Each structure stands twice: as C-alpha cells, then as structure tokens.
C-alpha atoms as a PDB file:
ATOM      1  CA  MET A   1     181.446 -18.198  32.431  1.00  0.00           C
ATOM      2  CA  ALA A   2     178.523 -18.848  34.250  1.00  0.00           C
ATOM      3  CA  THR A   3     178.382 -19.160  38.503  1.00  0.00           C
ATOM      4  CA  GLU A   4     176.657 -21.744  38.666  1.00  0.00           C
ATOM      5  CA  HIS A   5     174.147 -22.136  42.070  1.00  0.00           C
ATOM      6  CA  THR A   6     175.385 -24.776  43.857  1.00  0.00           C
ATOM      7  CA  GLY A   7     172.747 -24.393  47.209  1.00  0.00           C
ATOM      8  CA  ALA A   8     169.866 -26.712  48.091  1.00  0.00           C
ATOM      9  CA  VAL A   9     166.933 -26.972  46.094  1.00  0.00           C
ATOM     10  CA  SER A  10     163.722 -26.875  47.689  1.00  0.00           C
ATOM     11  CA  ILE A  11     160.504 -26.894  46.413  1.00  0.00           C
ATOM     12  CA  CYS A  12     159.489 -23.450  45.808  1.00  0.00           C
ATOM     13  CA  VAL A  13     163.104 -22.570  43.995  1.00  0.00           C
ATOM     14  CA  ASP A  14     164.144 -24.173  40.922  1.00  0.00           C
ATOM     15  CA  SER A  15     168.068 -25.180  40.290  1.00  0.00           C
ATOM     16  CA  HIS A  16     168.800 -21.966  39.289  1.00  0.00           C
ATOM     17  CA  GLY A  17     167.693 -19.814  42.051  1.00  0.00           C
ATOM     18  CA  SER A  18     164.114 -18.548  40.347  1.00  0.00           C
ATOM     19  CA  ALA A  19     160.796 -19.506  41.890  1.00  0.00           C
ATOM     20  CA  ILE A  20     158.657 -21.703  41.338  1.00  0.00           C
ATOM     21  CA  GLY A  21     155.265 -20.563  40.066  1.00  0.00           C
ATOM     22  CA  MET A  22     153.883 -17.787  43.008  1.00  0.00           C
ATOM     23  CA  PRO A  23     156.143 -16.750  45.901  1.00  0.00           C
ATOM     24  CA  GLN A  24     152.999 -16.627  48.107  1.00  0.00           C
ATOM     25  CA  LEU A  25     151.480 -19.661  47.727  1.00  0.00           C
ATOM     26  CA  CYS A  26     155.174 -21.738  48.789  1.00  0.00           C
ATOM     27  CA  PHE A  27     154.434 -23.421  51.979  1.00  0.00           C
ATOM     28  CA  ASP A  28     157.939 -23.567  52.442  1.00  0.00           C
ATOM     29  CA  TRP A  29     157.859 -19.433  52.710  1.00  0.00           C
ATOM     30  CA  PHE A  30     154.720 -19.176  55.374  1.00  0.00           C
ATOM     31  CA  PRO A  31     156.570 -18.570  58.253  1.00  0.00           C
ATOM     32  CA  ASN A  32     158.341 -15.994  56.450  1.00  0.00           C
ATOM     33  CA  GLN A  33     155.597 -14.549  55.474  1.00  0.00           C
ATOM     34  CA  ILE A  34     153.107 -14.750  58.684  1.00  0.00           C
ATOM     35  CA  PHE A  35     155.934 -13.200  60.318  1.00  0.00           C
ATOM     36  CA  TRP A  36     156.236 -10.020  58.500  1.00  0.00           C
ATOM     37  CA  LEU A  37     152.310  -9.781  58.109  1.00  0.00           C
ATOM     38  CA  VAL A  38     151.976 -10.085  61.500  1.00  0.00           C
ATOM     39  CA  ILE A  39     154.881  -7.228  61.935  1.00  0.00           C
ATOM     40  CA  THR A  40     152.986  -5.473  59.414  1.00  0.00           C
ATOM     41  CA  LEU A  41     149.589  -5.548  60.769  1.00  0.00           C
ATOM     42  CA  VAL A  42     151.027  -4.175  64.216  1.00  0.00           C
ATOM     43  CA  VAL A  43     152.532  -0.969  62.402  1.00  0.00           C
ATOM     44  CA  VAL A  44     149.257  -0.312  61.140  1.00  0.00           C
ATOM     45  CA  PHE A  45     147.130  -0.870  64.384  1.00  0.00           C
ATOM     46  CA  LEU A  46     149.486   1.619  65.948  1.00  0.00           C
ATOM     47  CA  VAL A  47     149.771   3.942  62.966  1.00  0.00           C
ATOM     48  CA  LEU A  48     145.684   4.082  63.021  1.00  0.00           C
ATOM     49  CA  SER A  49     144.921   3.971  66.677  1.00  0.00           C
ATOM     50  CA  ARG A  50     147.845   6.267  67.778  1.00  0.00           C
ATOM     51  CA  VAL A  51     147.482   8.885  65.005  1.00  0.00           C
ATOM     52  CA  ALA A  52     144.666   8.735  62.476  1.00  0.00           C
ATOM     53  CA  LEU A  53     141.594   7.401  65.342  1.00  0.00           C
ATOM     54  CA  PRO A  54     142.539   9.689  67.375  1.00  0.00           C
ATOM     55  CA  ARG A  55     142.153  12.630  64.791  1.00  0.00           C
ATOM     56  CA  ILE A  56     138.869  11.368  63.485  1.00  0.00           C
ATOM     57  CA  ALA A  57     137.094  10.766  66.734  1.00  0.00           C
ATOM     58  CA  ALA A  58     138.284  14.222  67.575  1.00  0.00           C
ATOM     59  CA  ILE A  59     136.529  15.932  64.115  1.00  0.00           C
ATOM     60  CA  LEU A  60     133.109  13.303  64.779  1.00  0.00           C
ATOM     61  CA  ALA A  61     132.690  14.741  68.308  1.00  0.00           C
ATOM     62  CA  GLU A  62     133.489  18.054  66.882  1.00  0.00           C
ATOM     63  CA  ARG A  63     130.447  17.291  64.039  1.00  0.00           C
ATOM     64  CA  GLN A  64     128.154  15.822  66.423  1.00  0.00           C
ATOM     65  CA  GLY A  65     129.151  18.861  68.940  1.00  0.00           C
ATOM     66  CA  THR A  66     128.108  21.561  65.884  1.00  0.00           C
ATOM     67  CA  ILE A  67     125.024  19.349  65.189  1.00  0.00           C
ATOM     68  CA  THR A  68     123.600  19.236  68.613  1.00  0.00           C
ATOM     69  CA  ASN A  69     124.544  23.331  68.270  1.00  0.00           C
ATOM     70  CA  ASP A  70     122.537  24.089  65.063  1.00  0.00           C
ATOM     71  CA  LEU A  71     119.410  21.693  66.255  1.00  0.00           C
ATOM     72  CA  ALA A  72     119.002  23.450  69.692  1.00  0.00           C
ATOM     73  CA  ALA A  73     119.677  26.732  67.734  1.00  0.00           C
ATOM     74  CA  ALA A  74     117.043  25.863  64.922  1.00  0.00           C
ATOM     75  CA  GLU A  75     114.670  24.889  68.275  1.00  0.00           C
ATOM     76  CA  ASP A  76     115.235  29.071  69.099  1.00  0.00           C
ATOM     77  CA  LEU A  77     114.807  30.327  66.172  1.00  0.00           C
ATOM     78  CA  LYS A  78     111.411  28.002  65.674  1.00  0.00           C
ATOM     79  CA  ALA A  79     110.313  28.863  69.244  1.00  0.00           C
ATOM     80  CA  LYS A  80     111.079  32.965  68.151  1.00  0.00           C
ATOM     81  CA  ALA A  81     109.142  32.301  64.963  1.00  0.00           C
ATOM     82  CA  LEU A  82     106.276  30.572  66.395  1.00  0.00           C
ATOM     83  CA  ALA A  83     106.504  33.507  69.188  1.00  0.00           C
ATOM     84  CA  ALA A  84     106.337  36.478  65.841  1.00  0.00           C
ATOM     85  CA  GLU A  85     103.905  34.438  64.353  1.00  0.00           C
ATOM     86  CA  GLU A  86     101.524  34.566  67.638  1.00  0.00           C
ATOM     87  CA  ALA A  87     102.526  38.321  67.971  1.00  0.00           C
ATOM     88  CA  TYR A  88     101.315  39.271  64.023  1.00  0.00           C
ATOM     89  CA  THR A  89      98.413  37.392  64.599  1.00  0.00           C
ATOM     90  CA  LYS A  90      97.049  38.861  67.480  1.00  0.00           C
ATOM     91  CA  ALA A  91      98.398  42.712  66.499  1.00  0.00           C
ATOM     92  CA  LEU A  92      96.580  41.412  62.775  1.00  0.00           C
ATOM     93  CA  ALA A  93      93.185  40.278  64.963  1.00  0.00           C
ATOM     94  CA  GLU A  94      93.352  43.914  66.937  1.00  0.00           C
ATOM     95  CA  ALA A  95      94.460  46.230  63.152  1.00  0.00           C
ATOM     96  CA  ARG A  96      91.381  44.681  62.285  1.00  0.00           C
ATOM     97  CA  ALA A  97      88.946  45.082  65.617  1.00  0.00           C
ATOM     98  CA  GLU A  98      90.691  48.640  65.637  1.00  0.00           C
ATOM     99  CA  ALA A  99      89.315  49.163  61.996  1.00  0.00           C
ATOM    100  CA  GLN A 100      85.855  47.724  62.765  1.00  0.00           C
ATOM    101  CA  ARG A 101      85.375  50.169  65.618  1.00  0.00           C
ATOM    102  CA  ILE A 102      86.667  52.809  63.188  1.00  0.00           C
ATOM    103  CA  ALA A 103      84.373  52.146  60.441  1.00  0.00           C
ATOM    104  CA  GLY A 104      81.800  51.716  62.604  1.00  0.00           C
ATOM    105  CA  GLU A 105      82.219  55.323  64.577  1.00  0.00           C
ATOM    106  CA  ALA A 106      82.423  57.071  60.810  1.00  0.00           C
ATOM    107  CA  ARG A 107      79.303  54.808  60.211  1.00  0.00           C
ATOM    108  CA  ALA A 108      77.574  56.063  63.572  1.00  0.00           C
ATOM    109  CA  GLU A 109      78.635  59.271  63.143  1.00  0.00           C
ATOM    110  CA  ILE A 110      77.867  59.942  59.238  1.00  0.00           C
ATOM    111  CA  GLN A 111      73.875  58.740  59.931  1.00  0.00           C
ATOM    112  CA  ALA A 112      74.126  61.278  62.830  1.00  0.00           C
ATOM    113  CA  GLU A 113      74.862  63.822  60.029  1.00  0.00           C
ATOM    114  CA  LEU A 114      72.725  62.417  57.744  1.00  0.00           C
ATOM    115  CA  ASN A 115      70.176  62.721  60.467  1.00  0.00           C
ATOM    116  CA  ASP A 116      70.740  66.295  61.137  1.00  0.00           C
ATOM    117  CA  ALA A 117      70.266  67.228  57.374  1.00  0.00           C
ATOM    118  CA  ILE A 118      67.668  65.258  56.727  1.00  0.00           C
ATOM    119  CA  ALA A 119      65.467  66.976  59.664  1.00  0.00           C
ATOM    120  CA  LYS A 120      66.933  70.366  58.458  1.00  0.00           C
ATOM    121  CA  ALA A 121      66.148  69.322  54.898  1.00  0.00           C
ATOM    122  CA  ASP A 122      62.549  68.453  56.111  1.00  0.00           C
ATOM    123  CA  ALA A 123      62.200  71.773  57.851  1.00  0.00           C
ATOM    124  CA  GLU A 124      63.643  73.670  55.026  1.00  0.00           C
ATOM    125  CA  ILE A 125      60.589  71.613  52.930  1.00  0.00           C
ATOM    126  CA  ALA A 126      57.650  72.219  55.644  1.00  0.00           C
ATOM    127  CA  ALA A 127      58.897  76.168  55.817  1.00  0.00           C
ATOM    128  CA  LYS A 128      58.525  76.974  52.176  1.00  0.00           C
ATOM    129  CA  ALA A 129      55.755  74.377  51.993  1.00  0.00           C
ATOM    130  CA  ALA A 130      54.178  76.665  54.738  1.00  0.00           C
ATOM    131  CA  GLU A 131      55.137  79.826  52.856  1.00  0.00           C
ATOM    132  CA  SER A 132      53.389  78.409  49.627  1.00  0.00           C
ATOM    133  CA  GLU A 133      50.326  77.566  51.146  1.00  0.00           C
ATOM    134  CA  LYS A 134      50.305  80.832  52.735  1.00  0.00           C
ATOM    135  CA  ALA A 135      50.549  82.365  49.089  1.00  0.00           C
ATOM    136  CA  ILE A 136      48.178  79.934  47.338  1.00  0.00           C
ATOM    137  CA  GLY A 137      45.868  81.304  50.148  1.00  0.00           C
ATOM    138  CA  GLU A 138      46.627  84.662  49.239  1.00  0.00           C
ATOM    139  CA  ILE A 139      46.463  84.141  45.766  1.00  0.00           C
ATOM    140  CA  ARG A 140      43.029  81.998  46.304  1.00  0.00           C
ATOM    141  CA  ALA A 141      41.721  84.475  48.450  1.00  0.00           C
ATOM    142  CA  GLY A 142      42.960  87.662  45.927  1.00  0.00           C
ATOM    143  CA  ALA A 143      41.704  85.095  42.832  1.00  0.00           C
ATOM    144  CA  LEU A 144      38.432  85.052  44.553  1.00  0.00           C
ATOM    145  CA  GLN A 145      37.991  88.549  44.913  1.00  0.00           C
ATOM    146  CA  SER A 146      39.767  89.032  41.307  1.00  0.00           C
ATOM    147  CA  ILE A 147      36.290  86.215  40.528  1.00  0.00           C
ATOM    148  CA  GLU A 148      34.086  88.294  42.336  1.00  0.00           C
ATOM    149  CA  ALA A 149      34.904  91.829  40.937  1.00  0.00           C
ATOM    150  CA  VAL A 150      35.190  90.444  37.359  1.00  0.00           C
ATOM    151  CA  ALA A 151      31.268  88.663  37.987  1.00  0.00           C
ATOM    152  CA  LYS A 152      29.547  91.666  39.371  1.00  0.00           C
ATOM    153  CA  ASP A 153      31.463  94.078  36.695  1.00  0.00           C
ATOM    154  CA  THR A 154      29.999  91.270  34.054  1.00  0.00           C
ATOM    155  CA  ALA A 155      26.697  91.264  35.543  1.00  0.00           C
ATOM    156  CA  GLY A 156      26.593  95.085  35.295  1.00  0.00           C
ATOM    157  CA  ALA A 157      27.427  95.170  32.189  1.00  0.00           C
ATOM    158  CA  LEU A 158      24.625  91.932  30.998  1.00  0.00           C
ATOM    159  CA  VAL A 159      21.690  94.103  32.615  1.00  0.00           C
ATOM    160  CA  SER A 160      23.205  97.381  31.066  1.00  0.00           C
ATOM    161  CA  VAL A 161      23.143  95.325  27.778  1.00  0.00           C
ATOM    162  CA  LEU A 162      19.561  93.179  27.997  1.00  0.00           C
ATOM    163  CA  GLY A 163      18.175  96.895  28.459  1.00  0.00           C
ATOM    164  CA  GLY A 164      17.582  96.793  32.424  1.00  0.00           C
ATOM    165  CA  GLN A 165      19.004  99.197  34.833  1.00  0.00           C
ATOM    166  CA  ALA A 166      21.094  97.337  37.667  1.00  0.00           C
ATOM    167  CA  ASP A 167      22.275  99.160  40.581  1.00  0.00           C
ATOM    168  CA  ASP A 168      25.498  97.783  42.846  1.00  0.00           C
ATOM    169  CA  ALA A 169      24.013  96.463  45.551  1.00  0.00           C
ATOM    170  CA  THR A 170      21.435  93.941  43.769  1.00  0.00           C
ATOM    171  CA  VAL A 171      24.481  92.301  41.493  1.00  0.00           C
ATOM    172  CA  ALA A 172      26.530  92.349  44.102  1.00  0.00           C
ATOM    173  CA  GLY A 173      24.026  90.556  46.433  1.00  0.00           C
ATOM    174  CA  ALA A 174      23.626  88.328  43.238  1.00  0.00           C
ATOM    175  CA  VAL A 175      26.923  87.583  42.875  1.00  0.00           C
ATOM    176  CA  GLU A 176      27.903  86.469  46.382  1.00  0.00           C
ATOM    177  CA  ALA A 177      24.570  84.546  46.804  1.00  0.00           C
ATOM    178  CA  ARG A 178      25.659  82.487  43.423  1.00  0.00           C
ATOM    179  CA  MET A 179      29.213  82.261  44.804  1.00  0.00           C
ATOM    180  CA  LYS A 180      28.203  80.743  47.960  1.00  0.00           C
ATOM    181  CA  GLY A 181      26.337  78.214  46.191  1.00  0.00           C
END
C-alpha cells in the first residue's frame, strides 16, 4: 500500500513530490536559495578575512622583505665587486709599471756591463795590436838585417865568382846604397 501525498502542489513539484526540471531554476524557491547563498558567502568571507587572507598577507610581506633584503645585499655585493675590480686593475697597473721599471733597470745594467766588456775587449785588442805591431816591427827589422846580410854575402860571392876581389867595406856600401833606394 502506497502512501499518497495530499499536500499542495506547486509549479516546481509534481503530485508525487518530485521536482519538475531543475530545482535551482524554480522561482518559488529563489528566496530560500538567496538566503542560504548570502549565509554561505558571509561565512566564506569571514573565514577568508579572519584566517586565510592574514596568512597570505603575512607571506607576501615576508616575501617582500626577503626580496628587499636580497636586493640590498646584491647592491652591496655589486659595490664590493666593483671595488675589488678597481683594486685589481690598480694592482695590475702597478705590477706592470714595476715590471717595466725592473726590465728597464735590467736593460740599463746589461748595457753597462756590455759597454764595460766592449771597452775591456777593445783595450785588450789594442794592447795585442800594439804587441803585434811591435813584434812585426822587430820581425821586419830582423828581416831587413837578414836580407842585408844575405845580400852582402851574395854580392861578395858573386864578385868572387866573377873573378874579382871584393872587400867587405865596398860590398857593404854598395848593398846599403841599393837598399836605401
């Protein structure tokens, strides 16, 4: 036995108590739906404004603080890097200048040593040249004496071979006259 519904029938409900179509679109139920919608929105607003939004705001503020601190730290590090680069550039320039100065001093020292060595070598060469000239002069003088002696002996021997009598004084005078020119 089935129970029969005897209540009033509206345009949203059929005679068996079932909804006709979509209940959300039934104008008879709009005031009830609007009431619960407002209640739900107020509850959601209160939960969001009291719980979720403050947490989100705190997280955003913390992030902003971290970003600001990181940017400040980056600026400090950038300034330190620029200072370090300037110091490096200055030190490099000083090192190059010092290297140029040391190289110049070394060149000057080497040139001075080279000049001293050249002067010493020139002096030794000049001394050896003087000794050689003296030795050549002695050899030349000895050679002239030897030539004169050989010429006297040869002239005396020629005169004797040719049948003449040559005395040493005459042969010596003739050889000396001929050697002088």
